[in-house]
Each structure stands twice: as C-alpha cells, then as structure tokens.
Amino acid sequence: MIDETELVTLVEQAQAGDRDAFGQLVKQYETAVFAIVLRRLRNQAEALEITQDVFLRAMRKLPQLREPERFAGWLKRIAVRMAINRAVRRPREAFCAPEVFTDVEQTCSPFEGVIRIEEAQQVRVGLKQLRALDRETLLAFYFEGQSLKEMSDRFSSPVGTIKRRLHTARHRLKEALTEAQPA
C-alpha cells in the first residue's frame, strides 16, 4: 500500500506523461477496480475487459484530475460508472431451442444426455402444473434471462414483490417435482 505522499507524487508524474508512474498506479489499484466491476457485472471476463477500459479512460482523463490525493475515489467512480454502463448496455442473451444445437458435438456421455432430457421433461411437466403467474415468473427469469428490474416493469410490480414471487414459484415447482417422483 502506498502512502498519500507517494500517491500524489505518482499521480503528478503520470499527469506529466510518465508512463512508469501510471503503471505503478495501475498495479496498486487494479485489484480494487476489478473487484468493484466484478461485483456489478458478476462476469469475470467482462470485469477484466472493463477493468482495462477503466484504466484507459483514467489515463486519458488524468490531466483533468485537479486534486491528486483524490485519485483512488476518482478511479473508483470511473469503475462504477463504466460497470453500470456495461450492465445496462450489454446485449441480451439469446435463448435458442435445443434443436439449434443438434450439430454441436456432444460433450457428455449418452447416459448423461438421457438423464438431462428426462430432467428437462420433468421440469416442463412441473412448470405446466404451476399457476400462470408462477410459471411466467420462472420463465421470465430463468429462460428469458430478464433482470428483476425488467420483470418489475413487465409485471407492474415492485422488485421486492418479484423476488418474493420467484421464491414462492421455485418452492411450488420443487413441490410439484417432488410429487411427480416415484416413491
């Protein structure tokens, strides 16, 4: 950990164009920036990419930083903003029917494939047994990949209500699947 005097010196040197000084700042703060970004994105590959982008932006904007002793907070704000921007603008994950992947090489044994098919069929049967709202809630979250906020807008309900519905729907699905199991 560097003290405040050393930090101010490194920032001022980096502002003057010293790339080695900026490299030392990167080494000092990259773990913290990565942690901030990962906490928001929950995806390690994206977090690594955004962490690099944060330092690129910081390098370009460093001359605008008037108070070098505030570098850490300034850098963290950049990280948070960039992580939020990525989360908001990230492309939606597409859901494809299993038939789309029939030509993809099988990575599991035939026995495991049969088990997965049977489990998927049981889940489909269990979903059909649920009430429409429970089924729609589970499908929106797990199959369509909607966020809690998107579901809140879709169902015109607060996020807390959506969380409760998900919890209840999962519990009801578990009960339906348990009842369907042979004794």
Protein backbone atom coordinates (compact mmCIF):
# COMPACT_ATOMS: atom_id res chain seq x y z
CA MET A 1 0.00 0.00 0.00
CA ILE A 2 1.37 3.39 -0.87
CA ASP A 3 1.07 6.38 1.39
CA GLU A 4 -0.64 9.62 0.39
CA THR A 5 2.59 11.48 -0.36
CA GLU A 6 3.79 8.74 -2.71
CA LEU A 7 0.33 8.59 -4.30
CA VAL A 8 0.34 12.34 -5.00
CA THR A 9 3.84 12.09 -6.46
CA LEU A 10 2.87 9.18 -8.73
CA VAL A 11 -0.30 10.92 -9.91
CA GLU A 12 1.56 14.16 -10.65
CA GLN A 13 4.25 12.25 -12.55
CA ALA A 14 1.58 10.37 -14.51
CA GLN A 15 -0.17 13.64 -15.28
CA ALA A 16 3.14 14.90 -16.67
CA GLY A 17 3.25 11.91 -19.02
CA ASP A 18 5.35 9.41 -17.04
CA ARG A 19 4.01 6.01 -18.13
CA ASP A 20 6.00 4.14 -15.48
CA ALA A 21 4.29 6.17 -12.77
CA PHE A 22 0.91 5.39 -14.29
CA GLY A 23 1.92 1.71 -14.47
CA GLN A 24 2.62 1.77 -10.74
CA LEU A 25 -0.82 3.28 -10.14
CA VAL A 26 -2.38 0.53 -12.22
CA LYS A 27 -0.54 -2.16 -10.22
CA GLN A 28 -1.67 -0.54 -7.00
CA TYR A 29 -5.37 -0.22 -7.88
CA GLU A 30 -6.20 -2.88 -10.47
CA THR A 31 -7.36 -5.43 -7.88
CA ALA A 32 -9.72 -2.93 -6.26
CA VAL A 33 -11.08 -1.78 -9.62
CA PHE A 34 -11.59 -5.38 -10.75
CA ALA A 35 -13.47 -6.17 -7.52
CA ILE A 36 -15.76 -3.16 -7.98
CA VAL A 37 -16.52 -4.07 -11.58
CA LEU A 38 -16.96 -7.79 -10.87
CA ARG A 39 -19.41 -7.02 -8.07
CA ARG A 40 -21.61 -5.15 -10.55
CA LEU A 41 -21.29 -7.40 -13.59
CA ARG A 42 -20.90 -10.86 -12.00
CA ASN A 43 -18.92 -11.97 -15.05
CA GLN A 44 -15.18 -12.39 -14.76
CA ALA A 45 -14.38 -11.97 -18.48
CA GLU A 46 -16.44 -8.78 -18.73
CA ALA A 47 -14.95 -7.49 -15.49
CA LEU A 48 -11.42 -7.97 -16.84
CA GLU A 49 -12.33 -6.13 -20.02
CA ILE A 50 -13.97 -3.24 -18.20
CA THR A 51 -11.06 -3.02 -15.76
CA GLN A 52 -8.74 -2.42 -18.70
CA ASP A 53 -11.14 0.14 -20.13
CA VAL A 54 -11.27 1.94 -16.76
CA PHE A 55 -7.51 2.41 -16.76
CA LEU A 56 -7.51 3.53 -20.39
CA ARG A 57 -10.11 6.16 -19.59
CA ALA A 58 -8.25 7.16 -16.43
CA MET A 59 -5.05 7.61 -18.43
CA ARG A 60 -6.85 9.87 -20.95
CA LYS A 61 -8.68 11.88 -18.27
CA LEU A 62 -5.87 12.06 -15.72
CA PRO A 63 -4.86 15.63 -16.69
CA GLN A 64 -8.37 16.74 -15.62
CA LEU A 65 -7.88 15.48 -12.04
CA ARG A 66 -7.21 18.64 -10.00
CA GLU A 67 -6.62 17.01 -6.62
CA PRO A 68 -4.14 14.11 -6.97
CA GLU A 69 -4.81 12.92 -3.41
CA ARG A 70 -8.34 12.00 -4.52
CA PHE A 71 -7.12 9.65 -7.24
CA ALA A 72 -8.46 6.47 -5.59
CA GLY A 73 -12.02 7.79 -5.22
CA TRP A 74 -11.93 9.29 -8.71
CA LEU A 75 -10.78 5.97 -10.18
CA LYS A 76 -13.47 4.04 -8.29
CA ARG A 77 -16.19 6.39 -9.61
CA ILE A 78 -14.97 5.74 -13.15
CA ALA A 79 -15.08 1.99 -12.47
CA VAL A 80 -18.61 2.12 -11.07
CA ARG A 81 -19.91 4.25 -13.96
CA MET A 82 -18.32 2.03 -16.60
CA ALA A 83 -19.62 -1.15 -14.94
CA ILE A 84 -23.13 0.27 -14.76
CA ASN A 85 -22.94 1.38 -18.40
CA ARG A 86 -21.86 -2.11 -19.46
CA ALA A 87 -24.60 -3.77 -17.39
CA VAL A 88 -27.26 -1.51 -18.90
CA ARG A 89 -25.97 -1.75 -22.47
CA ARG A 90 -24.93 -5.39 -22.53
CA PRO A 91 -26.68 -7.35 -25.25
CA ARG A 92 -29.39 -9.67 -24.11
CA GLU A 93 -28.55 -13.31 -24.05
CA ALA A 94 -30.47 -15.14 -26.72
CA PHE A 95 -32.44 -18.23 -25.88
CA CYS A 96 -32.25 -20.90 -28.52
CA ALA A 97 -34.28 -24.07 -28.78
CA PRO A 98 -32.24 -27.25 -28.15
CA GLU A 99 -32.74 -28.28 -31.79
CA VAL A 100 -30.43 -25.42 -32.83
CA PHE A 101 -27.52 -27.22 -31.20
CA THR A 102 -28.09 -30.69 -32.63
CA ASP A 103 -24.98 -30.43 -34.80
CA VAL A 104 -22.79 -29.40 -31.88
CA GLU A 105 -20.53 -32.18 -30.68
CA GLN A 106 -21.86 -33.93 -27.59
CA THR A 107 -19.63 -33.34 -24.58
CA CYS A 108 -21.37 -35.70 -22.20
CA SER A 109 -21.91 -39.44 -22.29
CA PRO A 110 -25.09 -40.78 -23.88
CA PHE A 111 -26.32 -41.81 -20.41
CA GLU A 112 -25.85 -38.26 -19.11
CA GLY A 113 -27.70 -36.96 -22.17
CA VAL A 114 -30.68 -39.20 -21.44
CA ILE A 115 -30.72 -38.09 -17.81
CA ARG A 116 -30.68 -34.41 -18.86
CA ILE A 117 -33.55 -34.95 -21.30
CA GLU A 118 -35.60 -36.71 -18.61
CA GLU A 119 -34.88 -33.94 -16.10
CA ALA A 120 -35.86 -31.27 -18.65
CA GLN A 121 -39.11 -33.12 -19.34
CA GLN A 122 -39.84 -33.31 -15.62
CA VAL A 123 -39.24 -29.57 -15.25
CA ARG A 124 -41.58 -28.85 -18.20
CA VAL A 125 -44.28 -31.03 -16.63
CA GLY A 126 -43.73 -29.31 -13.26
CA LEU A 127 -43.98 -25.87 -14.89
CA LYS A 128 -47.29 -26.83 -16.52
CA GLN A 129 -48.69 -27.71 -13.09
CA LEU A 130 -47.98 -24.23 -11.73
CA ARG A 131 -50.34 -21.29 -11.82
CA ALA A 132 -49.84 -18.95 -14.77
CA LEU A 133 -48.20 -16.18 -12.72
CA ASP A 134 -45.70 -18.59 -11.11
CA ARG A 135 -44.88 -20.15 -14.49
CA GLU A 136 -44.48 -16.76 -16.22
CA THR A 137 -42.26 -15.51 -13.40
CA LEU A 138 -39.92 -18.52 -13.60
CA LEU A 139 -39.83 -18.46 -17.39
CA ALA A 140 -39.04 -14.73 -17.49
CA PHE A 141 -36.16 -15.04 -15.02
CA TYR A 142 -34.59 -18.40 -15.89
CA PHE A 143 -35.39 -18.91 -19.56
CA GLU A 144 -35.69 -15.37 -20.94
CA GLY A 145 -32.92 -14.03 -18.70
CA GLN A 146 -34.83 -10.95 -17.58
CA SER A 147 -33.43 -8.95 -14.69
CA LEU A 148 -35.50 -8.23 -11.61
CA LYS A 149 -35.93 -4.64 -12.84
CA GLU A 150 -37.16 -5.80 -16.25
CA MET A 151 -39.56 -8.20 -14.57
CA SER A 152 -40.73 -5.41 -12.29
CA ASP A 153 -41.65 -3.35 -15.35
CA ARG A 154 -43.20 -6.31 -17.17
CA PHE A 155 -45.39 -7.40 -14.27
CA SER A 156 -46.03 -3.85 -12.96
CA SER A 157 -44.82 -4.87 -9.50
CA PRO A 158 -42.02 -3.69 -7.22
CA VAL A 159 -38.72 -5.60 -7.30
CA GLY A 160 -39.35 -6.92 -3.77
CA THR A 161 -42.61 -8.47 -4.94
CA ILE A 162 -40.82 -10.06 -7.89
CA LYS A 163 -38.22 -11.57 -5.54
CA ARG A 164 -40.99 -12.98 -3.36
CA ARG A 165 -42.80 -14.38 -6.40
CA LEU A 166 -39.60 -16.06 -7.60
CA HIS A 167 -39.02 -17.60 -4.19
CA THR A 168 -42.61 -18.82 -3.97
CA ALA A 169 -42.66 -20.10 -7.56
CA ARG A 170 -39.39 -22.03 -7.04
CA HIS A 171 -40.83 -23.58 -3.89
CA ARG A 172 -44.04 -24.57 -5.69
CA LEU A 173 -42.06 -26.02 -8.60
CA LYS A 174 -39.97 -28.03 -6.14
CA GLU A 175 -43.15 -29.39 -4.57
CA ALA A 176 -44.59 -30.26 -7.99
CA LEU A 177 -41.38 -32.06 -8.96
CA THR A 178 -41.23 -33.90 -5.62
CA GLU A 179 -44.82 -35.10 -6.02
CA ALA A 180 -44.04 -36.34 -9.54
CA GLN A 181 -41.18 -38.56 -8.30
CA PRO A 182 -42.00 -42.25 -7.85
CA ALA A 183 -41.86 -43.45 -4.25
